[in-house]
Protein backbone atom coordinates (compact mmCIF):
# COMPACT_ATOMS: atom_id res chain seq x y z
CA UNK A 1 34.44 -42.73 22.53
CA UNK A 2 35.51 -45.43 20.13
CA UNK A 3 39.22 -44.33 20.14
CA UNK A 4 39.21 -44.48 23.95
CA UNK A 5 38.05 -48.09 23.83
CA UNK A 6 41.01 -48.87 21.57
CA UNK A 7 43.60 -47.59 24.05
CA UNK A 8 43.51 -50.63 26.43
CA UNK A 9 43.71 -53.04 23.53
CA UNK A 10 46.61 -51.11 22.04
CA UNK A 11 48.39 -51.08 25.37
CA UNK A 12 47.98 -54.84 25.71
CA UNK A 13 49.33 -55.38 22.19
CA UNK A 14 52.37 -53.20 22.89
CA UNK A 15 52.95 -55.03 26.18
CA UNK A 16 52.82 -58.40 24.43
CA UNK A 17 55.18 -57.16 21.78
CA UNK A 18 57.64 -55.92 24.38
CA UNK A 19 57.34 -59.17 26.32
CA UNK A 20 58.09 -61.07 23.17
CA UNK A 21 61.15 -58.95 22.55
CA UNK A 22 62.24 -59.52 26.13
CA UNK A 23 61.84 -63.25 25.67
CA UNK A 24 64.01 -63.16 22.61
CA UNK A 25 66.65 -61.19 24.46
CA UNK A 26 66.66 -63.68 27.34
CA UNK A 27 66.49 -66.86 25.30
CA UNK A 28 69.06 -69.41 26.50
CA UNK A 29 72.55 -69.31 25.09
CA UNK A 30 73.32 -72.61 23.43
CA UNK A 31 76.75 -74.05 24.21
CA UNK A 32 78.02 -77.09 22.32
CA UNK A 33 80.26 -79.37 24.36
CA UNK A 34 82.36 -82.04 22.63
CA UNK A 35 84.27 -84.81 24.33
CA UNK A 36 85.34 -88.43 23.95
CA UNK A 37 83.60 -89.74 27.07
CA UNK A 38 81.84 -92.68 25.47
CA UNK A 39 82.20 -95.08 28.41
CA UNK A 40 80.85 -94.94 31.97
CA UNK A 41 82.56 -91.55 32.35
CA UNK A 42 80.20 -90.24 29.70
CA UNK A 43 77.18 -91.08 31.81
CA UNK A 44 78.77 -89.28 34.76
CA UNK A 45 79.44 -86.21 32.64
CA UNK A 46 75.96 -86.25 31.15
CA UNK A 47 74.43 -86.11 34.63
CA UNK A 48 76.66 -83.12 35.45
CA UNK A 49 75.57 -81.36 32.25
CA UNK A 50 71.92 -82.01 33.03
CA UNK A 51 72.30 -80.54 36.50
CA UNK A 52 74.04 -77.46 35.10
CA UNK A 53 71.22 -76.92 32.60
CA UNK A 54 68.61 -77.27 35.37
CA UNK A 55 70.42 -74.76 37.59
CA UNK A 56 71.20 -72.31 34.76
CA UNK A 57 68.06 -71.86 32.65
CA UNK A 58 69.67 -69.07 30.64
CA UNK A 59 72.27 -71.47 29.23
CA UNK A 60 71.61 -74.71 27.37
CA UNK A 61 74.58 -77.06 27.02
CA UNK A 62 74.35 -79.71 24.31
CA UNK A 63 76.85 -82.49 24.83
CA UNK A 64 78.17 -84.58 21.97
CA UNK A 65 80.35 -87.65 22.59
CA UNK A 66 82.48 -89.53 20.08
CA UNK A 67 85.23 -92.11 20.24
CA UNK A 68 88.67 -90.76 21.07
CA UNK A 69 89.99 -92.65 18.00
CA UNK A 70 88.18 -90.21 15.71
CA UNK A 71 87.51 -87.31 18.06
CA UNK A 72 90.68 -85.26 17.53
CA UNK A 73 90.54 -85.44 13.74
CA UNK A 74 86.92 -84.26 13.77
CA UNK A 75 87.69 -81.51 16.25
CA UNK A 76 90.67 -80.26 14.26
CA UNK A 77 88.68 -80.24 11.02
CA UNK A 78 85.87 -78.38 12.79
CA UNK A 79 88.41 -75.81 13.98
CA UNK A 80 89.77 -75.30 10.49
CA UNK A 81 86.26 -74.86 9.13
CA UNK A 82 85.22 -72.39 11.84
CA UNK A 83 82.66 -74.87 13.21
CA UNK A 84 84.36 -75.83 16.48
CA UNK A 85 82.15 -76.23 19.57
CA UNK A 86 82.21 -73.53 22.21
CA UNK A 87 83.62 -75.95 24.83
CA UNK A 88 85.68 -79.05 24.16
CA UNK A 89 87.97 -81.45 25.96
CA UNK A 90 91.66 -81.86 25.17
CA UNK A 91 94.14 -84.20 26.76
CA UNK A 92 97.24 -82.41 27.96
CA UNK A 93 99.43 -84.37 25.54
CA UNK A 94 97.65 -82.83 22.51
CA UNK A 95 97.18 -79.29 23.72
CA UNK A 96 100.22 -77.85 22.03
CA UNK A 97 98.93 -78.96 18.64
CA UNK A 98 95.57 -77.24 19.14
CA UNK A 99 96.94 -74.15 20.85
CA UNK A 100 99.47 -73.54 18.08
CA UNK A 101 96.65 -73.84 15.54
CA UNK A 102 94.79 -71.07 17.38
CA UNK A 103 91.81 -73.26 18.31
CA UNK A 104 92.03 -73.06 22.10
CA UNK A 105 91.43 -69.66 23.67
CA UNK A 106 93.62 -68.74 26.64
CA UNK A 107 91.66 -68.62 29.89
CA UNK A 108 93.94 -66.49 32.09
CA UNK A 109 91.79 -63.33 31.81
CA UNK A 110 88.66 -65.26 32.85
CA UNK A 111 90.10 -66.42 36.17
CA UNK A 112 89.54 -63.02 37.76
CA UNK A 113 86.35 -62.08 35.90
CA UNK A 114 82.71 -62.28 36.99
CA UNK A 115 83.09 -66.04 37.55
CA UNK A 116 86.49 -66.13 39.33
CA UNK A 117 88.58 -69.20 39.95
CA UNK A 118 91.72 -69.33 42.05
CA UNK A 119 94.51 -70.88 39.98
CA UNK A 120 96.42 -71.39 43.23
CA UNK A 121 93.96 -74.18 44.06
CA UNK A 122 95.23 -76.19 41.09
CA UNK A 123 98.23 -78.51 41.29
CA UNK A 124 101.11 -76.41 39.97
CA UNK A 125 102.63 -79.06 37.67
CA UNK A 126 99.23 -79.89 36.15
CA UNK A 127 98.48 -76.20 35.56
CA UNK A 128 101.92 -75.53 34.09
CA UNK A 129 101.47 -78.34 31.55
CA UNK A 130 98.75 -76.37 29.71
CA UNK A 131 100.83 -73.19 29.46
CA UNK A 132 102.08 -72.24 25.98
CA UNK A 133 103.48 -68.91 24.93
CA UNK A 134 103.03 -67.58 28.44
CA UNK A 135 99.30 -68.29 28.60
CA UNK A 136 97.14 -71.20 29.79
CA UNK A 137 95.00 -72.64 27.00
CA UNK A 138 92.54 -74.68 29.07
CA UNK A 139 91.37 -75.43 32.57
CA UNK A 140 92.42 -78.89 33.84
CA UNK A 141 89.43 -80.84 35.13
CA UNK A 142 91.36 -83.79 36.47
CA UNK A 143 94.63 -85.66 36.47
CA UNK A 144 94.50 -89.39 35.74
CA UNK A 145 97.77 -91.02 36.77
CA UNK A 146 98.82 -94.58 36.36
CA UNK A 147 98.61 -96.64 39.52
CA UNK A 148 98.87 -100.24 40.69
CA UNK A 149 95.76 -102.36 40.91
CA UNK A 150 96.24 -105.49 43.01
CA UNK A 151 94.18 -108.62 43.52
CA UNK A 152 94.12 -108.95 47.28
CA UNK A 153 93.00 -112.55 47.27
CA UNK A 154 95.81 -113.78 44.99
CA UNK A 155 98.43 -111.98 47.06
CA UNK A 156 97.12 -113.46 50.32
CA UNK A 157 96.91 -116.96 48.87
CA UNK A 158 100.52 -116.68 47.69
CA UNK A 159 101.67 -115.59 51.13
CA UNK A 160 102.45 -112.03 50.08
CA UNK A 161 101.13 -110.56 53.33
CA UNK A 162 102.03 -107.96 55.91
CA UNK A 163 102.30 -108.36 59.69
CA UNK A 164 98.53 -108.24 60.06
CA UNK A 165 97.89 -110.89 57.44
CA UNK A 166 96.69 -108.46 54.81
CA UNK A 167 98.14 -108.29 51.29
CA UNK A 168 101.57 -106.66 51.17
CA UNK A 169 101.58 -104.25 48.24
CA UNK A 170 105.00 -103.89 46.58
CA UNK A 171 106.64 -100.47 46.83
CA UNK A 172 109.79 -101.07 44.76
CA UNK A 173 111.27 -103.26 42.03
CA UNK A 174 112.60 -106.11 44.24
CA UNK A 175 109.34 -106.48 46.18
CA UNK A 176 107.31 -106.33 42.95
CA UNK A 177 109.42 -109.11 41.39
CA UNK A 178 109.33 -111.22 44.56
CA UNK A 179 105.54 -110.95 44.83
CA UNK A 180 105.09 -111.72 41.13
CA UNK A 181 107.25 -114.84 41.43
CA UNK A 182 105.24 -116.13 44.39
CA UNK A 183 101.91 -115.68 42.67
CA UNK A 184 102.80 -117.01 39.22
CA UNK A 185 101.72 -120.61 38.65
CA UNK A 186 101.48 -122.78 35.57
CA UNK A 187 98.03 -123.95 34.62
CA UNK A 188 96.94 -127.08 36.49
CA UNK A 189 94.47 -129.46 34.84
CA UNK A 190 91.16 -127.68 34.61
CA UNK A 191 92.58 -124.50 36.14
CA UNK A 192 93.69 -121.22 34.48
CA UNK A 193 97.28 -120.03 34.96
CA UNK A 194 98.02 -117.38 37.54
CA UNK A 195 100.26 -114.48 36.67
CA UNK A 196 102.02 -112.16 39.05
CA UNK A 197 101.93 -109.17 36.73
CA UNK A 198 100.55 -108.11 33.38
CA UNK A 199 101.25 -105.20 31.03
CA UNK A 200 97.76 -103.77 30.74
CA UNK A 201 99.14 -100.84 28.71
CA UNK A 202 102.69 -101.29 27.52
CA UNK A 203 103.23 -97.68 26.51
CA UNK A 204 102.19 -96.04 29.77
CA UNK A 205 103.88 -98.74 31.87
CA UNK A 206 107.17 -98.45 30.03
CA UNK A 207 107.04 -94.64 29.90
CA UNK A 208 106.61 -94.57 33.69
CA UNK A 209 109.71 -96.71 34.20
CA UNK A 210 111.70 -94.75 31.63
CA UNK A 211 110.99 -91.58 33.57
CA UNK A 212 111.86 -93.34 36.83
CA UNK A 213 115.23 -94.29 35.35
CA UNK A 214 115.78 -90.67 34.27
CA UNK A 215 115.46 -91.24 30.52
CA UNK A 216 114.93 -88.36 28.13
CA UNK A 217 113.17 -88.36 24.79
CA UNK A 218 114.37 -85.19 23.04
CA UNK A 219 117.29 -82.82 23.13
CA UNK A 220 116.52 -79.63 25.10
CA UNK A 221 115.79 -77.70 21.90
CA UNK A 222 113.49 -80.45 20.59
CA UNK A 223 115.58 -80.76 17.43
CA UNK A 224 116.32 -84.50 17.81
CA UNK A 225 114.52 -87.47 19.33
CA UNK A 226 116.59 -89.34 21.92
CA UNK A 227 114.16 -92.14 22.63
CA UNK A 228 117.11 -94.57 22.41
CA UNK A 229 118.63 -93.02 25.58
CA UNK A 230 120.40 -95.89 27.43
CA UNK A 231 118.31 -95.14 30.50
CA UNK A 232 115.14 -95.74 28.49
CA UNK A 233 116.62 -99.00 27.21
CA UNK A 234 117.42 -100.06 30.75
CA UNK A 235 113.83 -99.45 31.83
CA UNK A 236 112.45 -101.31 28.83
CA UNK A 237 114.82 -104.16 29.57
CA UNK A 238 113.25 -104.49 33.02
CA UNK A 239 109.83 -104.69 31.42
CA UNK A 240 110.86 -107.24 28.84
CA UNK A 241 112.58 -109.38 31.44
CA UNK A 242 109.31 -109.79 33.36
CA UNK A 243 107.96 -111.52 30.26
CA UNK A 244 110.95 -113.14 28.58
CA UNK A 245 113.27 -114.09 31.44
CA UNK A 246 111.37 -114.09 34.73
CA UNK A 247 108.16 -115.36 33.09
CA UNK A 248 105.97 -113.72 35.71
CA UNK A 249 103.98 -111.77 33.09
CA UNK A 250 102.36 -113.20 29.97
CA UNK A 251 103.50 -112.23 26.48
CA UNK A 252 101.14 -109.63 25.02
CA UNK A 253 100.34 -111.76 21.97
CA UNK A 254 99.04 -114.66 24.04
CA UNK A 255 96.94 -113.04 26.76
CA UNK A 256 94.21 -110.39 27.03
CA UNK A 257 95.88 -108.43 29.80
CA UNK A 258 93.13 -106.32 31.31
CA UNK A 259 90.43 -108.97 30.92
CA UNK A 260 92.81 -111.38 32.66
CA UNK A 261 93.09 -109.05 35.63
CA UNK A 262 89.37 -108.53 35.78
CA UNK A 263 88.83 -112.30 35.73
CA UNK A 264 91.10 -112.80 38.72
CA UNK A 265 93.98 -114.46 36.85
CA UNK A 266 96.54 -111.71 37.57
CA UNK A 267 97.78 -110.32 40.86
CA UNK A 268 99.07 -106.89 39.80
CA UNK A 269 98.63 -104.48 36.90
CA UNK A 270 99.57 -100.86 36.28
CA UNK A 271 96.64 -98.95 34.81
CA UNK A 272 94.99 -95.57 34.97
CA UNK A 273 92.48 -94.41 37.55
CA UNK A 274 89.96 -94.18 34.69
CA UNK A 275 89.75 -98.01 34.69
CA UNK A 276 88.22 -98.02 38.17
CA UNK A 277 84.65 -98.03 36.88
CA UNK A 278 85.51 -101.06 34.77
CA UNK A 279 86.75 -102.97 37.84
CA UNK A 280 83.70 -102.10 39.86
CA UNK A 281 81.63 -104.16 37.45
CA UNK A 282 83.42 -107.28 38.74
CA UNK A 283 81.49 -107.77 41.94
CA UNK A 284 83.50 -110.90 42.79
CA UNK A 285 86.93 -109.20 42.40
CA UNK A 286 88.72 -108.37 45.65
CA UNK A 287 90.97 -105.54 44.46
CA UNK A 288 92.65 -102.46 45.79
CA UNK A 289 94.73 -99.59 44.41
CA UNK A 290 98.14 -98.15 45.34
CA UNK A 291 100.84 -95.93 43.87
CA UNK A 292 103.12 -97.43 41.22
CA UNK A 293 106.21 -98.96 42.91
CA UNK A 294 109.43 -97.01 42.51
CA UNK A 295 111.45 -99.30 40.29
CA UNK A 296 113.96 -96.75 39.06
CA UNK A 297 116.02 -94.33 41.18
CA UNK A 298 113.51 -91.46 41.08
CA UNK A 299 109.73 -91.17 41.55
CA UNK A 300 107.75 -90.71 38.33
CA UNK A 301 104.44 -91.84 36.91
CA UNK A 302 102.72 -91.42 33.57
CA UNK A 303 99.55 -89.35 33.65
CA UNK A 304 97.33 -87.26 31.45
CA UNK A 305 94.58 -84.76 32.13
CA UNK A 306 91.26 -83.77 30.63
CA UNK A 307 91.25 -80.04 30.01
CA UNK A 308 88.20 -77.90 29.42
CA UNK A 309 88.93 -75.59 26.48
CA UNK A 310 87.13 -72.70 24.86
CA UNK A 311 87.14 -71.90 21.18
CA UNK A 312 88.42 -68.60 19.91
CA UNK A 313 86.14 -65.90 18.52
CA UNK A 314 83.07 -66.09 20.77
CA UNK A 315 81.09 -62.95 21.52
CA UNK A 316 81.03 -61.74 25.11
CA UNK A 317 77.67 -63.25 26.04
CA UNK A 318 78.52 -66.69 24.68
CA UNK A 319 82.00 -66.57 26.19
CA UNK A 320 80.65 -65.77 29.65
CA UNK A 321 78.10 -68.60 29.40
CA UNK A 322 80.75 -71.06 28.24
CA UNK A 323 83.13 -70.08 31.05
CA UNK A 324 80.34 -70.39 33.61
CA UNK A 325 79.80 -73.98 32.45
CA UNK A 326 83.54 -74.73 32.56
CA UNK A 327 83.83 -73.35 36.08
CA UNK A 328 80.76 -75.32 37.15
CA UNK A 329 82.36 -78.58 36.04
CA UNK A 330 85.55 -77.64 37.91
CA UNK A 331 83.63 -76.68 41.06
CA UNK A 332 81.75 -79.99 40.93
CA UNK A 333 84.67 -82.18 39.94
CA UNK A 334 84.21 -84.42 42.99
CA UNK A 335 81.14 -85.71 41.12
CA UNK A 336 83.49 -86.42 38.21
CA UNK A 337 85.93 -88.09 40.59
CA UNK A 338 83.27 -90.53 41.76
CA UNK A 339 83.31 -92.06 38.27
CA UNK A 340 87.05 -92.76 38.46
CA UNK A 341 89.13 -89.60 38.26
CA UNK A 342 91.31 -87.38 40.47
CA UNK A 343 90.34 -83.70 40.68
CA UNK A 344 93.08 -81.08 40.42
CA UNK A 345 91.44 -78.71 42.86
CA UNK A 346 93.40 -79.27 46.07
CA UNK A 347 90.57 -77.91 48.21
CA UNK A 348 88.25 -80.58 46.84
CA UNK A 349 90.74 -83.37 47.51
CA UNK A 350 91.11 -82.07 51.07
CA UNK A 351 87.59 -83.20 51.95
CA UNK A 352 86.16 -86.20 53.71
CA UNK A 353 84.19 -87.06 50.60
CA UNK A 354 87.36 -87.48 48.55
CA UNK A 355 89.25 -89.30 51.28
CA UNK A 356 86.49 -91.92 51.24
CA UNK A 357 87.33 -92.60 47.57
CA UNK A 358 90.11 -94.98 48.59
CA UNK A 359 91.55 -95.86 45.17
CA UNK A 360 91.38 -92.27 43.87
CA UNK A 361 93.01 -91.02 47.05
CA UNK A 362 95.81 -93.62 46.73
CA UNK A 363 96.52 -92.66 43.13
CA UNK A 364 96.37 -88.95 44.04
CA UNK A 365 99.42 -89.37 46.27
CA UNK A 366 101.50 -89.45 43.07
CA UNK A 367 100.43 -86.08 41.64
CA UNK A 368 103.74 -84.39 42.44
CA UNK A 369 105.51 -87.14 40.48
CA UNK A 370 103.34 -86.92 37.35
CA UNK A 371 105.20 -86.96 34.04
CA UNK A 372 103.15 -86.07 30.96
CA UNK A 373 104.22 -87.21 27.52
CA UNK A 374 106.46 -84.65 25.78
CA UNK A 375 104.52 -81.63 24.58
CA UNK A 376 104.66 -82.03 20.79
CA UNK A 377 102.62 -80.93 17.78
CA UNK A 378 103.37 -84.42 16.39
CA UNK A 379 102.49 -86.26 19.59
CA UNK A 380 100.45 -88.92 17.79
CA UNK A 381 103.43 -89.96 15.66
CA UNK A 382 105.60 -90.04 18.80
CA UNK A 383 103.07 -92.19 20.65
CA UNK A 384 102.80 -94.60 17.77
CA UNK A 385 106.55 -95.13 17.58
CA UNK A 386 106.97 -95.52 21.34
CA UNK A 387 104.11 -98.00 21.48
CA UNK A 388 105.57 -100.07 18.67
CA UNK A 389 108.99 -100.13 20.34
CA UNK A 390 107.53 -101.32 23.64
CA UNK A 391 105.46 -103.97 21.95
CA UNK A 392 108.45 -105.30 19.98
CA UNK A 393 110.53 -105.58 23.17
CA UNK A 394 107.78 -107.32 25.12
CA UNK A 395 107.16 -109.77 22.30
CA UNK A 396 110.88 -110.47 21.94
CA UNK A 397 110.98 -109.55 18.25
CA UNK A 398 113.66 -106.94 18.97
CA UNK A 399 115.96 -106.06 21.83
CA UNK A 400 114.99 -102.95 23.83
CA UNK A 401 117.99 -101.14 22.34
CA UNK A 402 117.12 -102.06 18.76
CA UNK A 403 113.42 -101.28 19.19
CA UNK A 404 114.15 -97.85 20.64
CA UNK A 405 116.78 -97.02 17.98
CA UNK A 406 114.25 -97.77 15.25
CA UNK A 407 111.58 -95.69 16.98
CA UNK A 408 113.94 -92.74 17.50
CA UNK A 409 114.99 -92.85 13.84
CA UNK A 410 111.35 -92.79 12.69
CA UNK A 411 110.52 -89.82 14.92
CA UNK A 412 113.61 -87.99 13.65
CA UNK A 413 112.31 -88.46 10.13
CA UNK A 414 109.09 -86.71 11.20
CA UNK A 415 111.19 -83.83 12.62
CA UNK A 416 113.21 -83.65 9.39
CA UNK A 417 110.07 -83.46 7.29
CA UNK A 418 108.75 -80.65 9.47
CA UNK A 419 112.04 -78.79 9.22
CA UNK A 420 112.04 -79.16 5.42
CA UNK A 421 108.54 -77.69 5.40
CA UNK A 422 109.76 -74.72 7.42
CA UNK A 423 108.03 -75.84 10.64
CA UNK A 424 109.94 -75.63 13.91
CA UNK A 425 110.28 -78.86 15.89
C-alpha cells in the first residue's frame, strides 16, 4: 500500500518538473535596443518600447540611449567585439559604413516571413537609400527633412502678409530675401534686434541649396571629391550674402541661431522636423512650418532617416523576436511622428491623424525631393570638411570658392589614404 501512496506525490513532482521546463522554454527573449534618442524623442520611443513589452510578454526589449556624439563609435566597437545589440538605429548617411563592415543584417527575406511588411508602402527614394549590394540593410522608421520654420507674428508685423492678412510664407529666393529685408531691424534702445533669417544649421542649409543649384560632390565613380563644383560655390555664395552683404542674417559667431528663433528674435529658419518638440516648449511663440523655398532651379532638400537595423548572427528565435519589435515600431510610427518626425509608411501618412499634424504634414510634402548626404564609408570626414567650409564662408574668413577648394582637397586626401591602403573609395 505504501508504494501506491507514493504515486500521486511522484506524479505531482514530475508535473512540477515539466512545468518548470516549460517555463524555461517560454522565458522571454531579451532584445537589446540601442539608439541616440536622448532628447524628447527618447521619451516617445521609451513609451513605444514599454507598450510593445506589455503586448508581447514573450519578448523583453531593453532600450539603451546614448549621445549621438559617442554612439556610433561605441556601436562600431561593439560590432567588432561581437557584442552588438540585436536591434540598433542607424542614420541613412552612415549605413554604408556599417553594412560594409558586416554589422547590419539585410532584412529583405523578413518582409515576406511570418511578420510580413509591404515594402511598397515605403517611399521609394527612402527605401532605395538603404540598399547596398542589392540588399536593404535596415528598415526606415522615418524621414526627417529640413523645412522652414516661420514666426508668424514677426512676418505680420513687418507687413509680409497674404490677401487674407495672414503671414505670407516665402516660396522662392526673391520672396525669402524680400521678407527677410522687411523684418530685419537694428536694435532700438532697450530692444533686441530682429533678424529676417538665421542659419540654424549651416551644413544642412547649405547642402540643401547646393543640391537645388545642381551641385555634385564626387565623380560618378567616387574616386575624387568635387565639393568645389561651381554650382556649390554659387549656392554657398547666396548663403554668405545673406550675412555679409544683405545683412538680414546674423553672423554665426555673434548669435545663438536656434535660441534666437525660439526667443522670437528671428522670422525664418531652416531646420529639421526633429526640432518641433523643442519649439513646442515655447508656449508664447507663434510659429508655423512650411517646405524650404526653392532658391535654386530644382527642388531639393536635405534629409536623413532613422533606420531600424538587426545585427548579424542571431539564432532563429531571437531574430524573429527582434523583427517583430522592428515591425511593431514601423506599424506604430504615427506615435513616433507625434514627437516630431515624418513616417515613411505612406498608408500611415494618408490618415486623418497625420493630416492633423500640421507641421509634419507640411514637411512631408518634400519627401520626393529629399537628398541624403553622399553614401560614404568616410561620411564623418566628409561632413566635417563640408561644415568647416560653410562656417568659413558665413564668417567671411574665406570666399565660398576658397572654402570649398580647401574642403575638397582635404577629402581627396582621405580618398588617397584609403586607396594607398587598398580600400576602394
